[in-house]
Amino acid sequence: MLIFFIVLAIILIVGSAMILLRTANMPKIPKNIKPQPYEDDD
């Protein structure tokens, strides 16, 4: 039973690390794109 919990913990740790790595590699906005101002910007 202890081995089951150890394997489950390893799977959860590796899975969460893969999710974090995937979100960290999301495409970045290029530097030459500037935000457009709002119409009612004060």
Protein backbone atom coordinates (compact mmCIF):
# COMPACT_ATOMS: atom_id res chain seq x y z
CA MET A 1 0.00 0.00 0.00
CA LEU A 2 2.89 2.35 0.74
CA ILE A 3 4.35 1.76 -2.73
CA PHE A 4 1.00 2.82 -4.25
CA PHE A 5 1.12 6.17 -2.47
CA ILE A 6 4.75 6.74 -3.44
CA VAL A 7 4.00 6.03 -7.12
CA LEU A 8 0.92 8.27 -6.96
CA ALA A 9 2.96 11.11 -5.43
CA ILE A 10 5.64 10.79 -8.14
CA ILE A 11 3.00 10.83 -10.89
CA LEU A 12 1.36 13.94 -9.42
CA ILE A 13 4.69 15.76 -9.04
CA VAL A 14 5.83 14.95 -12.58
CA GLY A 15 2.40 15.82 -14.00
CA SER A 16 2.27 19.19 -12.29
CA ALA A 17 5.83 19.96 -13.43
CA MET A 18 4.87 19.16 -17.04
CA ILE A 19 1.82 21.46 -16.80
CA LEU A 20 3.97 24.28 -15.40
CA LEU A 21 6.57 23.83 -18.15
CA ARG A 22 3.88 23.85 -20.84
CA THR A 23 2.34 27.07 -19.57
CA ALA A 24 5.79 28.66 -19.22
CA ASN A 25 6.48 27.98 -22.91
CA MET A 26 3.37 29.81 -24.12
CA PRO A 27 4.03 32.20 -27.01
CA LYS A 28 5.23 35.62 -25.93
CA ILE A 29 3.95 38.87 -27.43
CA PRO A 30 6.59 40.39 -29.73
CA LYS A 31 8.23 43.59 -28.50
CA ASN A 32 7.28 45.61 -31.59
CA ILE A 33 3.54 45.26 -30.87
CA LYS A 34 2.20 48.12 -28.76
CA PRO A 35 -1.15 48.17 -26.94
CA GLN A 36 -3.81 50.22 -28.65
CA PRO A 37 -5.21 53.11 -26.58
CA TYR A 38 -8.84 53.10 -25.57
CA GLU A 39 -11.26 55.49 -27.20
CA ASP A 40 -12.19 57.07 -23.85
CA ASP A 41 -8.70 57.04 -22.36
CA ASP A 42 -8.22 60.03 -20.04
